[in-house]
């Protein structure tokens, strides 16, 4: 929950994780969802499930 409250601190960490885990589809999908939450974007559950199943 602190990630949402302090996006200015978590974004660099998120970016570094994305760079490190870019080759892992599941991790990349999860980080994509987290980035969406951090940026205030509402992601439909169907999209999340499709991403996970596609990975």
N, C-alpha and C. Protein backbone atom coordinates (compact mmCIF):
# COMPACT_ATOMS: atom_id res chain seq x y z
N UNK A 1 0.84 -1.21 0.00
CA UNK A 1 0.00 0.00 0.00
C UNK A 1 0.87 1.25 0.00
N UNK A 2 2.04 1.14 0.64
CA UNK A 2 2.97 2.28 0.66
C UNK A 2 3.44 2.63 -0.74
N UNK A 3 3.46 1.64 -1.65
CA UNK A 3 3.90 1.92 -3.02
C UNK A 3 2.96 2.92 -3.68
N UNK A 4 1.64 2.76 -3.42
CA UNK A 4 0.65 3.66 -4.02
C UNK A 4 0.75 5.04 -3.37
N UNK A 5 1.05 5.07 -2.08
CA UNK A 5 1.13 6.33 -1.36
C UNK A 5 2.39 7.11 -1.70
N UNK A 6 3.44 6.40 -2.13
CA UNK A 6 4.71 7.09 -2.40
C UNK A 6 5.28 6.66 -3.76
N UNK A 7 4.56 6.97 -4.84
CA UNK A 7 4.97 6.54 -6.19
C UNK A 7 6.31 7.12 -6.61
N UNK A 8 6.64 8.30 -6.11
CA UNK A 8 7.90 8.94 -6.51
C UNK A 8 9.10 8.13 -6.03
N UNK A 9 8.90 7.35 -4.97
CA UNK A 9 10.00 6.54 -4.44
C UNK A 9 10.02 5.14 -5.05
N UNK A 10 8.84 4.64 -5.44
CA UNK A 10 8.76 3.26 -5.90
C UNK A 10 8.99 3.13 -7.40
N UNK A 11 8.74 4.20 -8.16
CA UNK A 11 8.89 4.11 -9.61
C UNK A 11 10.29 3.72 -10.06
N UNK A 12 11.35 4.31 -9.50
CA UNK A 12 12.71 3.90 -9.91
C UNK A 12 12.96 2.43 -9.61
N UNK A 13 12.46 1.96 -8.46
CA UNK A 13 12.61 0.56 -8.09
C UNK A 13 11.85 -0.32 -9.07
N UNK A 14 10.62 0.10 -9.41
CA UNK A 14 9.81 -0.66 -10.36
C UNK A 14 10.50 -0.75 -11.71
N UNK A 15 11.09 0.36 -12.14
CA UNK A 15 11.77 0.40 -13.43
C UNK A 15 12.96 -0.56 -13.43
N UNK A 16 13.69 -0.60 -12.32
CA UNK A 16 14.86 -1.49 -12.24
C UNK A 16 14.42 -2.94 -12.25
N UNK A 17 13.30 -3.23 -11.60
CA UNK A 17 12.78 -4.60 -11.59
C UNK A 17 12.34 -5.00 -12.99
N UNK A 18 11.67 -4.08 -13.69
CA UNK A 18 11.24 -4.35 -15.06
C UNK A 18 12.44 -4.67 -15.94
N UNK A 19 13.52 -3.93 -15.79
CA UNK A 19 14.72 -4.16 -16.58
C UNK A 19 15.34 -5.51 -16.26
N UNK A 20 15.34 -5.89 -14.99
CA UNK A 20 15.97 -7.13 -14.56
C UNK A 20 15.13 -8.35 -14.93
N UNK A 21 13.80 -8.19 -14.91
CA UNK A 21 12.91 -9.33 -15.11
C UNK A 21 12.24 -9.31 -16.48
N UNK A 22 12.75 -8.49 -17.40
CA UNK A 22 12.09 -8.29 -18.69
C UNK A 22 11.93 -9.60 -19.47
N UNK A 23 12.81 -10.57 -19.21
CA UNK A 23 12.77 -11.82 -19.96
C UNK A 23 11.81 -12.84 -19.36
N UNK A 24 11.18 -12.49 -18.24
CA UNK A 24 10.24 -13.42 -17.60
C UNK A 24 8.82 -12.89 -17.79
N UNK A 25 8.04 -13.51 -18.69
CA UNK A 25 6.70 -13.02 -19.05
C UNK A 25 5.80 -12.81 -17.85
N UNK A 26 5.78 -13.75 -16.91
CA UNK A 26 4.88 -13.64 -15.77
C UNK A 26 5.27 -12.45 -14.90
N UNK A 27 6.56 -12.32 -14.62
CA UNK A 27 7.03 -11.20 -13.81
C UNK A 27 6.72 -9.89 -14.54
N UNK A 28 6.95 -9.88 -15.85
CA UNK A 28 6.72 -8.68 -16.64
C UNK A 28 5.24 -8.30 -16.60
N UNK A 29 4.36 -9.31 -16.66
CA UNK A 29 2.92 -9.06 -16.59
C UNK A 29 2.53 -8.47 -15.26
N UNK A 30 3.10 -9.02 -14.19
CA UNK A 30 2.80 -8.53 -12.84
C UNK A 30 3.27 -7.09 -12.69
N UNK A 31 4.48 -6.80 -13.17
CA UNK A 31 5.02 -5.46 -13.04
C UNK A 31 4.22 -4.47 -13.89
N UNK A 32 3.69 -4.95 -15.02
CA UNK A 32 2.85 -4.10 -15.86
C UNK A 32 1.60 -3.69 -15.10
N UNK A 33 1.03 -4.65 -14.37
CA UNK A 33 -0.16 -4.37 -13.57
C UNK A 33 0.17 -3.38 -12.46
N UNK A 34 1.32 -3.60 -11.80
CA UNK A 34 1.74 -2.71 -10.71
C UNK A 34 1.98 -1.29 -11.24
N UNK A 35 2.61 -1.20 -12.41
CA UNK A 35 2.86 0.12 -13.00
C UNK A 35 1.54 0.81 -13.31
N UNK A 36 0.55 0.03 -13.76
CA UNK A 36 -0.76 0.59 -14.05
C UNK A 36 -1.41 1.14 -12.80
N UNK A 37 -1.28 0.40 -11.70
CA UNK A 37 -1.84 0.85 -10.42
C UNK A 37 -1.14 2.12 -9.95
N UNK A 38 0.19 2.13 -10.08
CA UNK A 38 0.97 3.28 -9.63
C UNK A 38 0.63 4.52 -10.44
N UNK A 39 0.34 4.34 -11.72
CA UNK A 39 0.06 5.49 -12.57
C UNK A 39 -1.41 5.88 -12.49
N UNK A 40 -2.20 5.15 -11.69
CA UNK A 40 -3.60 5.50 -11.49
C UNK A 40 -4.50 4.91 -12.56
N UNK A 41 -3.97 3.99 -13.36
CA UNK A 41 -4.77 3.38 -14.41
C UNK A 41 -5.54 2.19 -13.85
N UNK A 42 -6.83 2.13 -14.15
CA UNK A 42 -7.65 1.00 -13.70
C UNK A 42 -7.58 -0.11 -14.75
N UNK A 43 -7.05 -1.26 -14.36
CA UNK A 43 -6.89 -2.37 -15.29
C UNK A 43 -7.96 -3.43 -15.02
N UNK A 44 -8.79 -3.75 -16.02
CA UNK A 44 -9.83 -4.76 -15.86
C UNK A 44 -9.24 -6.11 -15.47
N UNK A 45 -9.96 -6.87 -14.65
CA UNK A 45 -9.48 -8.17 -14.20
C UNK A 45 -9.29 -9.11 -15.38
N UNK A 46 -10.17 -9.00 -16.38
CA UNK A 46 -10.05 -9.86 -17.56
C UNK A 46 -8.71 -9.65 -18.25
N UNK A 47 -8.27 -8.41 -18.32
CA UNK A 47 -6.99 -8.10 -18.96
C UNK A 47 -5.85 -8.73 -18.18
N UNK A 48 -5.95 -8.67 -16.84
CA UNK A 48 -4.91 -9.25 -16.00
C UNK A 48 -4.86 -10.75 -16.19
N UNK A 49 -6.03 -11.39 -16.20
CA UNK A 49 -6.09 -12.84 -16.36
C UNK A 49 -5.56 -13.25 -17.73
N UNK A 50 -5.92 -12.49 -18.75
CA UNK A 50 -5.46 -12.80 -20.11
C UNK A 50 -3.95 -12.69 -20.20
N UNK A 51 -3.40 -11.70 -19.52
CA UNK A 51 -1.95 -11.50 -19.53
C UNK A 51 -1.26 -12.67 -18.85
N UNK A 52 -1.79 -13.10 -17.72
CA UNK A 52 -1.19 -14.20 -16.97
C UNK A 52 -1.30 -15.51 -17.75
N UNK A 53 -2.46 -15.75 -18.37
CA UNK A 53 -2.66 -16.99 -19.13
C UNK A 53 -1.80 -16.99 -20.39
N UNK A 54 -1.64 -15.80 -20.99
CA UNK A 54 -0.84 -15.69 -22.19
C UNK A 54 0.63 -15.97 -21.91
N UNK A 55 1.04 -15.65 -20.69
CA UNK A 55 2.44 -15.87 -20.31
C UNK A 55 2.68 -17.36 -20.12
